[in-house]
Amino acid sequence: MGKIILRLDRVMADRKISLKELSEKVGVTNVNLSKMKTGKISAIRFSTLEAICEALDCQPGDILEYVSEESEEAGQ
């Protein structure tokens, strides 16, 4: 089975926005955003995803990436 990878760190770097600044714009704690940034979460609310996309002026697909099992095996 494949998996979803969060690319929040990449989008934040592209937009030159800090964790603290994004946290203030989105209304999510630094700790929770940091977990998202490092991929240490198993779920995300649509309302949070919407707020992040609005703050970063991006689409959900810019933040979320699906990697199939075949891709994972090829990369090893």
N, C-alpha and C. Protein backbone atom coordinates (compact mmCIF):
# COMPACT_ATOMS: atom_id res chain seq x y z
N MET A 1 0.84 -1.18 0.00
CA MET A 1 0.00 0.00 0.00
C MET A 1 0.89 1.24 0.00
N GLY A 2 0.51 2.23 -0.75
CA GLY A 2 1.25 3.48 -0.83
C GLY A 2 1.03 4.33 0.41
N LYS A 3 1.54 5.55 0.35
CA LYS A 3 1.36 6.46 1.48
C LYS A 3 1.30 7.90 1.00
N ILE A 4 0.75 8.74 1.86
CA ILE A 4 0.66 10.18 1.60
C ILE A 4 1.84 10.85 2.29
N ILE A 5 2.54 11.69 1.56
CA ILE A 5 3.68 12.43 2.12
C ILE A 5 3.31 13.91 2.16
N LEU A 6 3.58 14.54 3.29
CA LEU A 6 3.33 15.97 3.44
C LEU A 6 4.55 16.74 2.96
N ARG A 7 4.33 17.71 2.10
CA ARG A 7 5.40 18.55 1.55
C ARG A 7 5.27 19.99 2.05
N LEU A 8 4.73 20.15 3.25
CA LEU A 8 4.53 21.48 3.81
C LEU A 8 5.85 22.23 3.92
N ASP A 9 6.91 21.55 4.31
CA ASP A 9 8.21 22.20 4.46
C ASP A 9 8.69 22.80 3.15
N ARG A 10 8.48 22.11 2.05
CA ARG A 10 8.91 22.59 0.74
C ARG A 10 8.11 23.83 0.31
N VAL A 11 6.78 23.78 0.53
CA VAL A 11 5.94 24.92 0.15
C VAL A 11 6.26 26.14 1.01
N MET A 12 6.50 25.90 2.30
CA MET A 12 6.86 27.00 3.19
C MET A 12 8.19 27.63 2.75
N ALA A 13 9.14 26.82 2.37
CA ALA A 13 10.44 27.34 1.92
C ALA A 13 10.27 28.14 0.63
N ASP A 14 9.45 27.63 -0.28
CA ASP A 14 9.20 28.34 -1.54
C ASP A 14 8.57 29.71 -1.29
N ARG A 15 7.69 29.78 -0.28
CA ARG A 15 6.98 31.03 0.03
C ARG A 15 7.75 31.90 1.03
N LYS A 16 8.87 31.37 1.51
CA LYS A 16 9.71 32.09 2.49
C LYS A 16 8.89 32.53 3.71
N ILE A 17 8.17 31.57 4.29
CA ILE A 17 7.35 31.84 5.47
C ILE A 17 7.82 30.94 6.62
N SER A 18 7.91 31.53 7.78
CA SER A 18 8.37 30.76 8.95
C SER A 18 7.22 29.99 9.58
N LEU A 19 7.57 29.03 10.40
CA LEU A 19 6.59 28.24 11.13
C LEU A 19 5.75 29.14 12.02
N LYS A 20 6.40 30.09 12.67
CA LYS A 20 5.69 31.01 13.57
C LYS A 20 4.69 31.86 12.80
N GLU A 21 5.11 32.39 11.66
CA GLU A 21 4.23 33.24 10.85
C GLU A 21 3.04 32.44 10.32
N LEU A 22 3.29 31.22 9.83
CA LEU A 22 2.21 30.39 9.33
C LEU A 22 1.25 30.01 10.46
N SER A 23 1.81 29.71 11.60
CA SER A 23 1.00 29.37 12.77
C SER A 23 0.03 30.50 13.11
N GLU A 24 0.52 31.72 13.09
CA GLU A 24 -0.33 32.88 13.39
C GLU A 24 -1.42 33.08 12.34
N LYS A 25 -1.08 32.87 11.07
CA LYS A 25 -2.05 33.06 9.99
C LYS A 25 -3.13 31.98 9.98
N VAL A 26 -2.73 30.76 10.33
CA VAL A 26 -3.63 29.62 10.22
C VAL A 26 -4.41 29.38 11.52
N GLY A 27 -3.84 29.77 12.65
CA GLY A 27 -4.49 29.52 13.93
C GLY A 27 -4.26 28.12 14.45
N VAL A 28 -3.11 27.56 14.10
CA VAL A 28 -2.71 26.23 14.56
C VAL A 28 -1.41 26.42 15.34
N THR A 29 -1.24 25.67 16.41
CA THR A 29 -0.05 25.83 17.24
C THR A 29 1.23 25.48 16.48
N ASN A 30 2.33 26.06 16.92
CA ASN A 30 3.64 25.74 16.34
C ASN A 30 3.93 24.25 16.41
N VAL A 31 3.57 23.64 17.55
CA VAL A 31 3.83 22.21 17.75
C VAL A 31 3.11 21.38 16.70
N ASN A 32 1.82 21.67 16.49
CA ASN A 32 1.05 20.90 15.51
C ASN A 32 1.53 21.14 14.08
N LEU A 33 1.88 22.39 13.77
CA LEU A 33 2.42 22.67 12.43
C LEU A 33 3.77 21.99 12.23
N SER A 34 4.56 21.95 13.27
CA SER A 34 5.86 21.29 13.19
C SER A 34 5.68 19.80 12.92
N LYS A 35 4.69 19.19 13.55
CA LYS A 35 4.40 17.77 13.30
C LYS A 35 3.97 17.56 11.86
N MET A 36 3.18 18.49 11.33
CA MET A 36 2.76 18.39 9.93
C MET A 36 3.97 18.53 9.02
N LYS A 37 4.81 19.48 9.34
CA LYS A 37 5.98 19.78 8.52
C LYS A 37 6.92 18.58 8.44
N THR A 38 7.03 17.82 9.53
CA THR A 38 7.93 16.67 9.56
C THR A 38 7.22 15.36 9.21
N GLY A 39 5.91 15.44 8.92
CA GLY A 39 5.17 14.24 8.53
C GLY A 39 4.81 13.32 9.67
N LYS A 40 4.79 13.83 10.88
CA LYS A 40 4.52 13.01 12.06
C LYS A 40 3.04 13.01 12.45
N ILE A 41 2.16 13.19 11.47
CA ILE A 41 0.73 13.15 11.76
C ILE A 41 0.08 12.06 10.91
N SER A 42 -1.08 11.60 11.33
CA SER A 42 -1.79 10.58 10.56
C SER A 42 -3.08 11.11 9.96
N ALA A 43 -3.46 12.34 10.32
CA ALA A 43 -4.68 12.93 9.78
C ALA A 43 -4.57 14.45 9.81
N ILE A 44 -5.39 15.08 8.96
CA ILE A 44 -5.46 16.54 8.94
C ILE A 44 -6.89 16.94 8.63
N ARG A 45 -7.41 17.88 9.36
CA ARG A 45 -8.78 18.36 9.11
C ARG A 45 -8.81 19.18 7.83
N PHE A 46 -9.90 19.07 7.10
CA PHE A 46 -10.06 19.86 5.90
C PHE A 46 -10.00 21.35 6.21
N SER A 47 -10.56 21.75 7.34
CA SER A 47 -10.53 23.18 7.69
C SER A 47 -9.10 23.66 7.89
N THR A 48 -8.25 22.82 8.46
CA THR A 48 -6.83 23.17 8.64
C THR A 48 -6.13 23.22 7.29
N LEU A 49 -6.41 22.25 6.45
CA LEU A 49 -5.81 22.21 5.11
C LEU A 49 -6.25 23.44 4.30
N GLU A 50 -7.51 23.81 4.41
CA GLU A 50 -8.01 25.00 3.72
C GLU A 50 -7.29 26.26 4.21
N ALA A 51 -7.13 26.39 5.52
CA ALA A 51 -6.46 27.56 6.10
C ALA A 51 -4.99 27.62 5.65
N ILE A 52 -4.33 26.49 5.61
CA ILE A 52 -2.92 26.44 5.17
C ILE A 52 -2.83 26.84 3.70
N CYS A 53 -3.71 26.29 2.88
CA CYS A 53 -3.70 26.62 1.45
C CYS A 53 -3.97 28.10 1.22
N GLU A 54 -4.89 28.66 1.99
CA GLU A 54 -5.18 30.09 1.86
C GLU A 54 -3.97 30.93 2.26
N ALA A 55 -3.35 30.57 3.38
CA ALA A 55 -2.19 31.34 3.88
C ALA A 55 -1.00 31.24 2.94
N LEU A 56 -0.82 30.07 2.31
CA LEU A 56 0.34 29.86 1.43
C LEU A 56 0.01 30.10 -0.05
N ASP A 57 -1.25 30.41 -0.33
CA ASP A 57 -1.69 30.61 -1.72
C ASP A 57 -1.28 29.42 -2.58
N CYS A 58 -1.76 28.24 -2.17
CA CYS A 58 -1.42 27.01 -2.88
C CYS A 58 -2.62 26.09 -2.94
N GLN A 59 -2.47 24.98 -3.60
CA GLN A 59 -3.49 23.94 -3.71
C GLN A 59 -3.12 22.78 -2.78
N PRO A 60 -4.11 21.98 -2.35
CA PRO A 60 -3.80 20.82 -1.50
C PRO A 60 -2.75 19.90 -2.12
N GLY A 61 -2.79 19.76 -3.44
CA GLY A 61 -1.82 18.91 -4.13
C GLY A 61 -0.39 19.42 -4.05
N ASP A 62 -0.22 20.70 -3.70
CA ASP A 62 1.13 21.24 -3.50
C ASP A 62 1.71 20.76 -2.18
N ILE A 63 0.83 20.41 -1.24
CA ILE A 63 1.25 20.03 0.11
C ILE A 63 1.23 18.51 0.29
N LEU A 64 0.27 17.85 -0.35
CA LEU A 64 0.11 16.41 -0.20
C LEU A 64 0.58 15.69 -1.46
N GLU A 65 1.32 14.60 -1.25
CA GLU A 65 1.80 13.81 -2.38
C GLU A 65 1.57 12.34 -2.09
N TYR A 66 1.00 11.62 -3.05
CA TYR A 66 0.78 10.19 -2.90
C TYR A 66 1.94 9.44 -3.54
N VAL A 67 2.52 8.51 -2.79
CA VAL A 67 3.60 7.68 -3.31
C VAL A 67 3.11 6.24 -3.28
N SER A 68 3.06 5.62 -4.45
CA SER A 68 2.56 4.24 -4.55
C SER A 68 3.61 3.27 -4.02
N GLU A 69 3.16 2.10 -3.73
CA GLU A 69 4.06 1.06 -3.22
C GLU A 69 5.16 0.75 -4.23
N GLU A 70 4.81 0.75 -5.52
CA GLU A 70 5.80 0.48 -6.56
C GLU A 70 6.89 1.54 -6.57
N SER A 71 6.49 2.80 -6.38
CA SER A 71 7.46 3.89 -6.35
C SER A 71 8.39 3.75 -5.16
N GLU A 72 7.82 3.34 -4.02
CA GLU A 72 8.63 3.16 -2.81
C GLU A 72 9.66 2.06 -3.02
N GLU A 73 9.24 0.94 -3.63
CA GLU A 73 10.16 -0.18 -3.87
C GLU A 73 11.25 0.20 -4.88
N ALA A 74 10.91 0.96 -5.89
CA ALA A 74 11.88 1.38 -6.90
C ALA A 74 12.92 2.32 -6.32
N GLY A 75 12.52 3.10 -5.32
CA GLY A 75 13.43 4.07 -4.71
C GLY A 75 14.40 3.45 -3.72
N GLN A 76 14.19 2.20 -3.37
CA GLN A 76 15.09 1.56 -2.37
C GLN A 76 16.31 0.99 -3.01
